[in-house]
Amino acid sequence: MKNVKVYGPGCKRCEATETMVKEVAAKLGMEVAVEKVSNPREIAMAGVMSTPGISVDGKLVHAGGLPDAAKLEGWLTA
């Protein structure tokens, strides 16, 4: 199981990113544990300077704007 964190204050893009992660994981038949991180201090400590941000198994893979679905697939299957 992959552990995915979505960093953001709870804006529409952040919510859409969380939905994308879940949809791509379902498409791939993977189980993922998705955690939303909205605490500004935790977001900054993770190195996210622009939200939404995504980390997969502790590695920051994306920050700023909606992620590309194909890249998201790659991050989840890596």
PDB file of N, CA and C in Angstrom:
ATOM      1  N   MET A   1       0.849  -1.179   0.000  1.00  0.00           N
ATOM      2  CA  MET A   1       0.000   0.000   0.000  1.00  0.00           C
ATOM      3  C   MET A   1       0.892   1.239   0.000  1.00  0.00           C
ATOM      4  N   LYS A   2       0.541   2.188  -0.840  1.00  0.00           N
ATOM      5  CA  LYS A   2       1.256   3.455  -0.917  1.00  0.00           C
ATOM      6  C   LYS A   2       0.633   4.450   0.063  1.00  0.00           C
ATOM      7  N   ASN A   3       1.487   5.242   0.679  1.00  0.00           N
ATOM      8  CA  ASN A   3       1.038   6.311   1.558  1.00  0.00           C
ATOM      9  C   ASN A   3       1.198   7.624   0.817  1.00  0.00           C
ATOM     10  N   VAL A   4       0.090   8.308   0.575  1.00  0.00           N
ATOM     11  CA  VAL A   4       0.096   9.543  -0.183  1.00  0.00           C
ATOM     12  C   VAL A   4      -0.401  10.669   0.711  1.00  0.00           C
ATOM     13  N   LYS A   5       0.331  11.784   0.693  1.00  0.00           N
ATOM     14  CA  LYS A   5      -0.102  12.975   1.421  1.00  0.00           C
ATOM     15  C   LYS A   5      -0.395  14.058   0.390  1.00  0.00           C
ATOM     16  N   VAL A   6      -1.532  14.714   0.561  1.00  0.00           N
ATOM     17  CA  VAL A   6      -1.905  15.848  -0.278  1.00  0.00           C
ATOM     18  C   VAL A   6      -1.823  17.077   0.614  1.00  0.00           C
ATOM     19  N   TYR A   7      -0.915  17.995   0.251  1.00  0.00           N
ATOM     20  CA  TYR A   7      -0.686  19.209   1.032  1.00  0.00           C
ATOM     21  C   TYR A   7      -1.456  20.375   0.443  1.00  0.00           C
ATOM     22  N   GLY A   8      -2.209  21.066   1.282  1.00  0.00           N
ATOM     23  CA  GLY A   8      -2.934  22.243   0.833  1.00  0.00           C
ATOM     24  C   GLY A   8      -3.918  22.717   1.877  1.00  0.00           C
ATOM     25  N   PRO A   9      -4.348  23.967   1.753  1.00  0.00           N
ATOM     26  CA  PRO A   9      -5.229  24.557   2.755  1.00  0.00           C
ATOM     27  C   PRO A   9      -6.692  24.108   2.659  1.00  0.00           C
ATOM     28  N   GLY A  10      -7.040  23.331   1.655  1.00  0.00           N
ATOM     29  CA  GLY A  10      -8.423  22.891   1.508  1.00  0.00           C
ATOM     30  C   GLY A  10      -9.140  23.572   0.367  1.00  0.00           C
ATOM     31  N   CYS A  11      -8.390  24.162  -0.545  1.00  0.00           N
ATOM     32  CA  CYS A  11      -8.984  24.855  -1.693  1.00  0.00           C
ATOM     33  C   CYS A  11      -9.524  23.839  -2.710  1.00  0.00           C
ATOM     34  N   LYS A  12     -10.199  24.345  -3.728  1.00  0.00           N
ATOM     35  CA  LYS A  12     -10.778  23.471  -4.762  1.00  0.00           C
ATOM     36  C   LYS A  12      -9.713  22.630  -5.458  1.00  0.00           C
ATOM     37  N   ARG A  13      -8.551  23.241  -5.759  1.00  0.00           N
ATOM     38  CA  ARG A  13      -7.482  22.485  -6.428  1.00  0.00           C
ATOM     39  C   ARG A  13      -6.959  21.368  -5.537  1.00  0.00           C
ATOM     40  N   CYS A  14      -6.882  21.633  -4.248  1.00  0.00           N
ATOM     41  CA  CYS A  14      -6.404  20.617  -3.310  1.00  0.00           C
ATOM     42  C   CYS A  14      -7.397  19.451  -3.230  1.00  0.00           C
ATOM     43  N   GLU A  15      -8.673  19.780  -3.174  1.00  0.00           N
ATOM     44  CA  GLU A  15      -9.706  18.741  -3.144  1.00  0.00           C
ATOM     45  C   GLU A  15      -9.704  17.946  -4.447  1.00  0.00           C
ATOM     46  N   ALA A  16      -9.530  18.643  -5.572  1.00  0.00           N
ATOM     47  CA  ALA A  16      -9.482  17.960  -6.866  1.00  0.00           C
ATOM     48  C   ALA A  16      -8.273  17.040  -6.952  1.00  0.00           C
ATOM     49  N   THR A  17      -7.151  17.466  -6.374  1.00  0.00           N
ATOM     50  CA  THR A  17      -5.939  16.645  -6.374  1.00  0.00           C
ATOM     51  C   THR A  17      -6.162  15.374  -5.577  1.00  0.00           C
ATOM     52  N   GLU A  18      -6.792  15.494  -4.417  1.00  0.00           N
ATOM     53  CA  GLU A  18      -7.082  14.313  -3.600  1.00  0.00           C
ATOM     54  C   GLU A  18      -7.985  13.341  -4.371  1.00  0.00           C
ATOM     55  N   THR A  19      -8.987  13.872  -5.038  1.00  0.00           N
ATOM     56  CA  THR A  19      -9.890  13.038  -5.834  1.00  0.00           C
ATOM     57  C   THR A  19      -9.130  12.351  -6.959  1.00  0.00           C
ATOM     58  N   MET A  20      -8.238  13.095  -7.627  1.00  0.00           N
ATOM     59  CA  MET A  20      -7.436  12.511  -8.716  1.00  0.00           C
ATOM     60  C   MET A  20      -6.592  11.349  -8.219  1.00  0.00           C
ATOM     61  N   VAL A  21      -5.960  11.521  -7.063  1.00  0.00           N
ATOM     62  CA  VAL A  21      -5.120  10.461  -6.501  1.00  0.00           C
ATOM     63  C   VAL A  21      -5.953   9.200  -6.291  1.00  0.00           C
ATOM     64  N   LYS A  22      -7.124   9.362  -5.704  1.00  0.00           N
ATOM     65  CA  LYS A  22      -7.992   8.210  -5.436  1.00  0.00           C
ATOM     66  C   LYS A  22      -8.488   7.565  -6.726  1.00  0.00           C
ATOM     67  N   GLU A  23      -8.841   8.380  -7.723  1.00  0.00           N
ATOM     68  CA  GLU A  23      -9.330   7.841  -8.995  1.00  0.00           C
ATOM     69  C   GLU A  23      -8.238   7.096  -9.754  1.00  0.00           C
ATOM     70  N   VAL A  24      -7.031   7.656  -9.788  1.00  0.00           N
ATOM     71  CA  VAL A  24      -5.924   6.997 -10.491  1.00  0.00           C
ATOM     72  C   VAL A  24      -5.560   5.696  -9.782  1.00  0.00           C
ATOM     73  N   ALA A  25      -5.542   5.708  -8.461  1.00  0.00           N
ATOM     74  CA  ALA A  25      -5.233   4.486  -7.709  1.00  0.00           C
ATOM     75  C   ALA A  25      -6.277   3.414  -7.987  1.00  0.00           C
ATOM     76  N   ALA A  26      -7.550   3.794  -8.035  1.00  0.00           N
ATOM     77  CA  ALA A  26      -8.622   2.835  -8.325  1.00  0.00           C
ATOM     78  C   ALA A  26      -8.464   2.278  -9.737  1.00  0.00           C
ATOM     79  N   LYS A  27      -8.132   3.140 -10.681  1.00  0.00           N
ATOM     80  CA  LYS A  27      -7.921   2.718 -12.068  1.00  0.00           C
ATOM     81  C   LYS A  27      -6.794   1.696 -12.158  1.00  0.00           C
ATOM     82  N   LEU A  28      -5.741   1.903 -11.341  1.00  0.00           N
ATOM     83  CA  LEU A  28      -4.598   0.995 -11.345  1.00  0.00           C
ATOM     84  C   LEU A  28      -4.824  -0.233 -10.470  1.00  0.00           C
ATOM     85  N   GLY A  29      -5.936  -0.250  -9.741  1.00  0.00           N
ATOM     86  CA  GLY A  29      -6.222  -1.370  -8.842  1.00  0.00           C
ATOM     87  C   GLY A  29      -5.315  -1.388  -7.626  1.00  0.00           C
ATOM     88  N   MET A  30      -4.886  -0.203  -7.199  1.00  0.00           N
ATOM     89  CA  MET A  30      -3.974  -0.092  -6.056  1.00  0.00           C
ATOM     90  C   MET A  30      -4.710   0.400  -4.822  1.00  0.00           C
ATOM     91  N   GLU A  31      -4.204  -0.008  -3.680  1.00  0.00           N
ATOM     92  CA  GLU A  31      -4.705   0.541  -2.428  1.00  0.00           C
ATOM     93  C   GLU A  31      -3.779   1.665  -2.020  1.00  0.00           C
ATOM     94  N   VAL A  32      -4.347   2.808  -1.694  1.00  0.00           N
ATOM     95  CA  VAL A  32      -3.549   3.934  -1.215  1.00  0.00           C
ATOM     96  C   VAL A  32      -4.176   4.500   0.046  1.00  0.00           C
ATOM     97  N   ALA A  33      -3.323   4.938   0.934  1.00  0.00           N
ATOM     98  CA  ALA A  33      -3.778   5.645   2.130  1.00  0.00           C
ATOM     99  C   ALA A  33      -3.529   7.112   1.851  1.00  0.00           C
ATOM    100  N   VAL A  34      -4.602   7.894   1.710  1.00  0.00           N
ATOM    101  CA  VAL A  34      -4.481   9.312   1.392  1.00  0.00           C
ATOM    102  C   VAL A  34      -4.713  10.133   2.650  1.00  0.00           C
ATOM    103  N   GLU A  35      -3.728  10.976   2.946  1.00  0.00           N
ATOM    104  CA  GLU A  35      -3.827  11.868   4.108  1.00  0.00           C
ATOM    105  C   GLU A  35      -3.797  13.304   3.612  1.00  0.00           C
ATOM    106  N   LYS A  36      -4.745  14.106   4.080  1.00  0.00           N
ATOM    107  CA  LYS A  36      -4.762  15.529   3.748  1.00  0.00           C
ATOM    108  C   LYS A  36      -3.993  16.274   4.836  1.00  0.00           C
ATOM    109  N   VAL A  37      -3.064  17.111   4.408  1.00  0.00           N
ATOM    110  CA  VAL A  37      -2.286  17.914   5.342  1.00  0.00           C
ATOM    111  C   VAL A  37      -2.616  19.374   5.072  1.00  0.00           C
ATOM    112  N   SER A  38      -3.276  20.031   6.039  1.00  0.00           N
ATOM    113  CA  SER A  38      -3.681  21.419   5.832  1.00  0.00           C
ATOM    114  C   SER A  38      -3.009  22.392   6.802  1.00  0.00           C
ATOM    115  N   ASN A  39      -2.218  21.882   7.734  1.00  0.00           N
ATOM    116  CA  ASN A  39      -1.516  22.729   8.680  1.00  0.00           C
ATOM    117  C   ASN A  39      -0.381  23.455   7.949  1.00  0.00           C
ATOM    118  N   PRO A  40      -0.403  24.799   7.917  1.00  0.00           N
ATOM    119  CA  PRO A  40       0.623  25.554   7.183  1.00  0.00           C
ATOM    120  C   PRO A  40       2.057  25.222   7.598  1.00  0.00           C
ATOM    121  N   ARG A  41       2.262  24.965   8.857  1.00  0.00           N
ATOM    122  CA  ARG A  41       3.610  24.624   9.343  1.00  0.00           C
ATOM    123  C   ARG A  41       4.067  23.288   8.766  1.00  0.00           C
ATOM    124  N   GLU A  42       3.181  22.293   8.781  1.00  0.00           N
ATOM    125  CA  GLU A  42       3.524  20.982   8.237  1.00  0.00           C
ATOM    126  C   GLU A  42       3.763  21.057   6.728  1.00  0.00           C
ATOM    127  N   ILE A  43       2.972  21.889   6.045  1.00  0.00           N
ATOM    128  CA  ILE A  43       3.146  22.063   4.602  1.00  0.00           C
ATOM    129  C   ILE A  43       4.531  22.647   4.326  1.00  0.00           C
ATOM    130  N   ALA A  44       4.904  23.676   5.065  1.00  0.00           N
ATOM    131  CA  ALA A  44       6.220  24.300   4.883  1.00  0.00           C
ATOM    132  C   ALA A  44       7.354  23.345   5.233  1.00  0.00           C
ATOM    133  N   MET A  45       7.196  22.580   6.306  1.00  0.00           N
ATOM    134  CA  MET A  45       8.230  21.633   6.717  1.00  0.00           C
ATOM    135  C   MET A  45       8.434  20.529   5.681  1.00  0.00           C
ATOM    136  N   ALA A  46       7.395  20.239   4.906  1.00  0.00           N
ATOM    137  CA  ALA A  46       7.509  19.221   3.863  1.00  0.00           C
ATOM    138  C   ALA A  46       8.198  19.776   2.613  1.00  0.00           C
ATOM    139  N   GLY A  47       8.427  21.087   2.594  1.00  0.00           N
ATOM    140  CA  GLY A  47       9.096  21.695   1.449  1.00  0.00           C
ATOM    141  C   GLY A  47       8.152  22.138   0.352  1.00  0.00           C
ATOM    142  N   VAL A  48       6.856  22.181   0.643  1.00  0.00           N
ATOM    143  CA  VAL A  48       5.866  22.584  -0.353  1.00  0.00           C
ATOM    144  C   VAL A  48       5.747  24.107  -0.319  1.00  0.00           C
ATOM    145  N   MET A  49       6.186  24.745  -1.405  1.00  0.00           N
ATOM    146  CA  MET A  49       6.137  26.203  -1.476  1.00  0.00           C
ATOM    147  C   MET A  49       4.888  26.693  -2.217  1.00  0.00           C
ATOM    148  N   SER A  50       4.276  25.800  -2.992  1.00  0.00           N
ATOM    149  CA  SER A  50       3.068  26.134  -3.748  1.00  0.00           C
ATOM    150  C   SER A  50       2.144  24.927  -3.684  1.00  0.00           C
ATOM    151  N   THR A  51       0.887  25.164  -3.329  1.00  0.00           N
ATOM    152  CA  THR A  51      -0.048  24.051  -3.170  1.00  0.00           C
ATOM    153  C   THR A  51      -0.920  23.894  -4.411  1.00  0.00           C
ATOM    154  N   PRO A  52      -1.493  22.741  -4.620  1.00  0.00           N
ATOM    155  CA  PRO A  52      -1.364  21.547  -3.809  1.00  0.00           C
ATOM    156  C   PRO A  52      -0.029  20.841  -4.036  1.00  0.00           C
ATOM    157  N   GLY A  53       0.383  20.121  -3.011  1.00  0.00           N
ATOM    158  CA  GLY A  53       1.587  19.310  -3.085  1.00  0.00           C
ATOM    159  C   GLY A  53       1.224  17.858  -2.853  1.00  0.00           C
ATOM    160  N   ILE A  54       2.059  16.965  -3.368  1.00  0.00           N
ATOM    161  CA  ILE A  54       1.823  15.526  -3.200  1.00  0.00           C
ATOM    162  C   ILE A  54       3.130  14.862  -2.809  1.00  0.00           C
ATOM    163  N   SER A  55       3.062  13.994  -1.803  1.00  0.00           N
ATOM    164  CA  SER A  55       4.202  13.137  -1.494  1.00  0.00           C
ATOM    165  C   SER A  55       3.711  11.693  -1.548  1.00  0.00           C
ATOM    166  N   VAL A  56       4.574  10.830  -2.044  1.00  0.00           N
ATOM    167  CA  VAL A  56       4.279   9.403  -2.120  1.00  0.00           C
ATOM    168  C   VAL A  56       5.347   8.684  -1.322  1.00  0.00           C
ATOM    169  N   ASP A  57       4.928   7.961  -0.309  1.00  0.00           N
ATOM    170  CA  ASP A  57       5.831   7.241   0.585  1.00  0.00           C
ATOM    171  C   ASP A  57       6.958   8.138   1.101  1.00  0.00           C
ATOM    172  N   GLY A  58       6.592   9.365   1.491  1.00  0.00           N
ATOM    173  CA  GLY A  58       7.539  10.278   2.105  1.00  0.00           C
ATOM    174  C   GLY A  58       8.365  11.114   1.147  1.00  0.00           C
ATOM    175  N   LYS A  59       8.228  10.906  -0.152  1.00  0.00           N
ATOM    176  CA  LYS A  59       8.997  11.666  -1.136  1.00  0.00           C
ATOM    177  C   LYS A  59       8.088  12.675  -1.831  1.00  0.00           C
ATOM    178  N   LEU A  60       8.462  13.964  -1.742  1.00  0.00           N
ATOM    179  CA  LEU A  60       7.687  15.013  -2.401  1.00  0.00           C
ATOM    180  C   LEU A  60       7.859  14.865  -3.911  1.00  0.00           C
ATOM    181  N   VAL A  61       6.730  14.685  -4.621  1.00  0.00           N
ATOM    182  CA  VAL A  61       6.790  14.471  -6.067  1.00  0.00           C
ATOM    183  C   VAL A  61       6.150  15.591  -6.872  1.00  0.00           C
ATOM    184  N   HIS A  62       5.370  16.461  -6.202  1.00  0.00           N
ATOM    185  CA  HIS A  62       4.663  17.508  -6.936  1.00  0.00           C
ATOM    186  C   HIS A  62       4.327  18.663  -6.010  1.00  0.00           C
ATOM    187  N   ALA A  63       4.411  19.881  -6.577  1.00  0.00           N
ATOM    188  CA  ALA A  63       3.969  21.063  -5.838  1.00  0.00           C
ATOM    189  C   ALA A  63       3.496  22.109  -6.835  1.00  0.00           C
ATOM    190  N   GLY A  64       2.326  22.661  -6.582  1.00  0.00           N
ATOM    191  CA  GLY A  64       1.797  23.760  -7.391  1.00  0.00           C
ATOM    192  C   GLY A  64       0.945  23.305  -8.552  1.00  0.00           C
ATOM    193  N   GLY A  65      -0.343  23.580  -8.478  1.00  0.00           N
ATOM    194  CA  GLY A  65      -1.264  23.259  -9.569  1.00  0.00           C
ATOM    195  C   GLY A  65      -1.694  21.810  -9.574  1.00  0.00           C
ATOM    196  N   LEU A  66      -2.645  21.521 -10.445  1.00  0.00           N
ATOM    197  CA  LEU A  66      -3.139  20.152 -10.560  1.00  0.00           C
ATOM    198  C   LEU A  66      -2.095  19.278 -11.247  1.00  0.00           C
ATOM    199  N   PRO A  67      -1.880  18.075 -10.744  1.00  0.00           N
ATOM    200  CA  PRO A  67      -0.902  17.195 -11.380  1.00  0.00           C
ATOM    201  C   PRO A  67      -1.453  16.588 -12.666  1.00  0.00           C
ATOM    202  N   ASP A  68      -0.556  16.200 -13.541  1.00  0.00           N
ATOM    203  CA  ASP A  68      -0.914  15.494 -14.764  1.00  0.00           C
ATOM    204  C   ASP A  68      -1.250  14.046 -14.390  1.00  0.00           C
ATOM    205  N   ALA A  69      -2.359  13.525 -14.916  1.00  0.00           N
ATOM    206  CA  ALA A  69      -2.804  12.167 -14.555  1.00  0.00           C
ATOM    207  C   ALA A  69      -1.756  11.115 -14.913  1.00  0.00           C
ATOM    208  N   ALA A  70      -1.091  11.265 -16.054  1.00  0.00           N
ATOM    209  CA  ALA A  70      -0.075  10.289 -16.459  1.00  0.00           C
ATOM    210  C   ALA A  70       1.107  10.304 -15.488  1.00  0.00           C
ATOM    211  N   LYS A  71       1.512  11.487 -15.053  1.00  0.00           N
ATOM    212  CA  LYS A  71       2.604  11.576 -14.081  1.00  0.00           C
ATOM    213  C   LYS A  71       2.177  10.980 -12.751  1.00  0.00           C
ATOM    214  N   LEU A  72       0.936  11.216 -12.376  1.00  0.00           N
ATOM    215  CA  LEU A  72       0.412  10.669 -11.132  1.00  0.00           C
ATOM    216  C   LEU A  72       0.462   9.148 -11.158  1.00  0.00           C
ATOM    217  N   GLU A  73       0.096   8.560 -12.288  1.00  0.00           N
ATOM    218  CA  GLU A  73       0.204   7.100 -12.435  1.00  0.00           C
ATOM    219  C   GLU A  73       1.630   6.641 -12.215  1.00  0.00           C
ATOM    220  N   GLY A  74       2.583   7.360 -12.808  1.00  0.00           N
ATOM    221  CA  GLY A  74       3.987   7.010 -12.666  1.00  0.00           C
ATOM    222  C   GLY A  74       4.455   7.082 -11.230  1.00  0.00           C
ATOM    223  N   TRP A  75       4.032   8.123 -10.525  1.00  0.00           N
ATOM    224  CA  TRP A  75       4.444   8.262  -9.121  1.00  0.00           C
ATOM    225  C   TRP A  75       3.880   7.133  -8.272  1.00  0.00           C
ATOM    226  N   LEU A  76       2.650   6.734  -8.547  1.00  0.00           N
ATOM    227  CA  LEU A  76       2.019   5.681  -7.753  1.00  0.00           C
ATOM    228  C   LEU A  76       2.590   4.303  -8.054  1.00  0.00           C
ATOM    229  N   THR A  77       3.052   4.081  -9.262  1.00  0.00           N
ATOM    230  CA  THR A  77       3.572   2.751  -9.629  1.00  0.00           C
ATOM    231  C   THR A  77       5.077   2.639  -9.435  1.00  0.00           C
ATOM    232  N   ALA A  78       5.743   3.737  -9.134  1.00  0.00           N
ATOM    233  CA  ALA A  78       7.214   3.701  -8.956  1.00  0.00           C
ATOM    234  C   ALA A  78       7.580   2.960  -7.682  1.00  0.00           C
TER     235      ALA A  78
END
